[in-house]
Amino acid sequence: MKVTNNPMAQAGLNSQTTKVAGDKAAAVSAVKNSGETSASVKAFAEKADNFFDINNKLSSASDVDMEKVNQVRELIAQGNLSLDLDVLSDAILEMHRR
């Protein structure tokens, strides 16, 4: 079973229409010119709007939670960071097993 987060594929559009990725106007144009039904075009347009909105939000978001980083820095600076070395070592081993 193939799992996809591709909104074009989720809308049931063919592989020709799913090749367009970066430009929403070009993607909508490709769908309109593909011979798909108007219901497919509408479903695609809704999914494309959602996809591009989410993509824009994620591209501007940081991968690092700076609030947590600053909390840990503060704890280290104060000498108050306590670690359970058994839990930490188990987590590191588990991460490398994946």
Protein backbone atom coordinates (compact mmCIF):
# COMPACT_ATOMS: atom_id res chain seq x y z
CA MET A 1 0.00 0.00 0.00
CA LYS A 2 1.46 3.33 -1.03
CA VAL A 3 0.80 6.25 1.28
CA THR A 4 1.03 9.72 -0.22
CA ASN A 5 0.66 13.25 1.01
CA ASN A 6 0.38 14.50 -2.54
CA PRO A 7 -2.86 16.51 -2.74
CA MET A 8 -3.03 16.05 -6.49
CA ALA A 9 -2.98 12.27 -6.13
CA GLN A 10 -5.44 12.42 -3.23
CA ALA A 11 -7.81 14.36 -5.48
CA GLY A 12 -7.73 11.36 -7.83
CA LEU A 13 -5.94 13.15 -10.65
CA ASN A 14 -3.83 11.28 -13.17
CA SER A 15 -0.02 11.13 -13.24
CA GLN A 16 0.21 13.77 -15.97
CA THR A 17 -1.42 16.34 -13.71
CA THR A 18 0.60 15.36 -10.64
CA LYS A 19 3.92 16.20 -12.34
CA VAL A 20 3.35 19.94 -11.79
CA ALA A 21 4.40 20.83 -8.26
CA GLY A 22 5.82 24.29 -7.62
CA ASP A 23 3.47 26.75 -9.32
CA LYS A 24 -0.20 26.72 -8.37
CA ALA A 25 -1.35 28.54 -11.53
CA ALA A 26 0.58 26.09 -13.71
CA ALA A 27 -0.82 23.17 -11.74
CA VAL A 28 -4.42 24.35 -12.13
CA SER A 29 -3.81 24.96 -15.83
CA ALA A 30 -2.41 21.44 -16.25
CA VAL A 31 -5.52 19.98 -14.62
CA LYS A 32 -7.87 22.05 -16.77
CA ASN A 33 -6.02 20.93 -19.91
CA SER A 34 -5.91 17.28 -18.89
CA GLY A 35 -9.53 16.52 -19.74
CA GLU A 36 -10.50 15.86 -16.12
CA THR A 37 -14.08 16.53 -15.06
CA SER A 38 -15.02 19.86 -13.51
CA ALA A 39 -15.55 18.09 -10.17
CA SER A 40 -11.96 16.84 -10.32
CA VAL A 41 -10.73 20.32 -11.20
CA LYS A 42 -12.66 21.83 -8.28
CA ALA A 43 -11.38 19.16 -5.88
CA PHE A 44 -7.86 19.73 -7.17
CA ALA A 45 -8.12 23.51 -6.77
CA GLU A 46 -9.29 23.15 -3.17
CA LYS A 47 -6.52 20.67 -2.36
CA ALA A 48 -3.94 22.84 -4.15
CA ASP A 49 -4.97 25.93 -2.17
CA ASN A 50 -4.65 23.96 1.07
CA PHE A 51 -1.34 22.42 -0.01
CA PHE A 52 0.23 25.74 -0.98
CA ASP A 53 -1.00 27.43 2.23
CA ILE A 54 0.48 24.65 4.37
CA ASN A 55 3.68 24.62 2.32
CA ASN A 56 4.12 28.38 2.79
CA LYS A 57 3.54 28.11 6.55
CA LEU A 58 5.97 25.22 6.91
CA SER A 59 8.67 26.82 4.79
CA SER A 60 8.71 29.86 7.06
CA ALA A 61 8.64 27.81 10.28
CA SER A 62 11.78 26.76 12.10
CA ASP A 63 12.62 23.09 12.61
CA VAL A 64 13.96 24.00 16.04
CA ASP A 65 11.80 24.86 19.03
CA MET A 66 13.82 27.87 20.20
CA GLU A 67 11.72 28.22 23.36
CA LYS A 68 12.87 24.77 24.51
CA VAL A 69 16.45 25.48 23.46
CA ASN A 70 16.45 28.67 25.52
CA GLN A 71 14.95 26.85 28.52
CA VAL A 72 17.71 24.22 28.38
CA ARG A 73 20.38 26.90 27.96
CA GLU A 74 19.06 28.68 31.03
CA LEU A 75 19.03 25.47 33.06
CA ILE A 76 22.61 24.71 32.00
CA ALA A 77 23.76 28.24 32.85
CA GLN A 78 22.16 27.94 36.30
CA GLY A 79 23.61 24.47 36.83
CA ASN A 80 20.11 23.04 37.28
CA LEU A 81 19.92 20.63 34.34
CA SER A 82 19.48 17.11 35.60
CA LEU A 83 19.62 14.10 33.32
CA ASP A 84 18.68 10.49 33.89
CA LEU A 85 21.62 8.89 32.13
CA ASP A 86 19.87 5.50 31.85
CA VAL A 87 16.90 7.06 30.06
CA LEU A 88 19.19 9.15 27.86
CA SER A 89 21.36 6.20 26.85
CA ASP A 90 18.29 4.05 26.12
CA ALA A 91 16.88 6.83 23.92
CA ILE A 92 20.16 7.15 22.01
CA LEU A 93 20.37 3.39 21.44
CA GLU A 94 16.74 3.25 20.30
CA MET A 95 17.28 6.13 17.88
CA HIS A 96 20.22 4.30 16.27
CA ARG A 97 18.26 1.04 15.96
CA ARG A 98 15.77 2.63 13.59
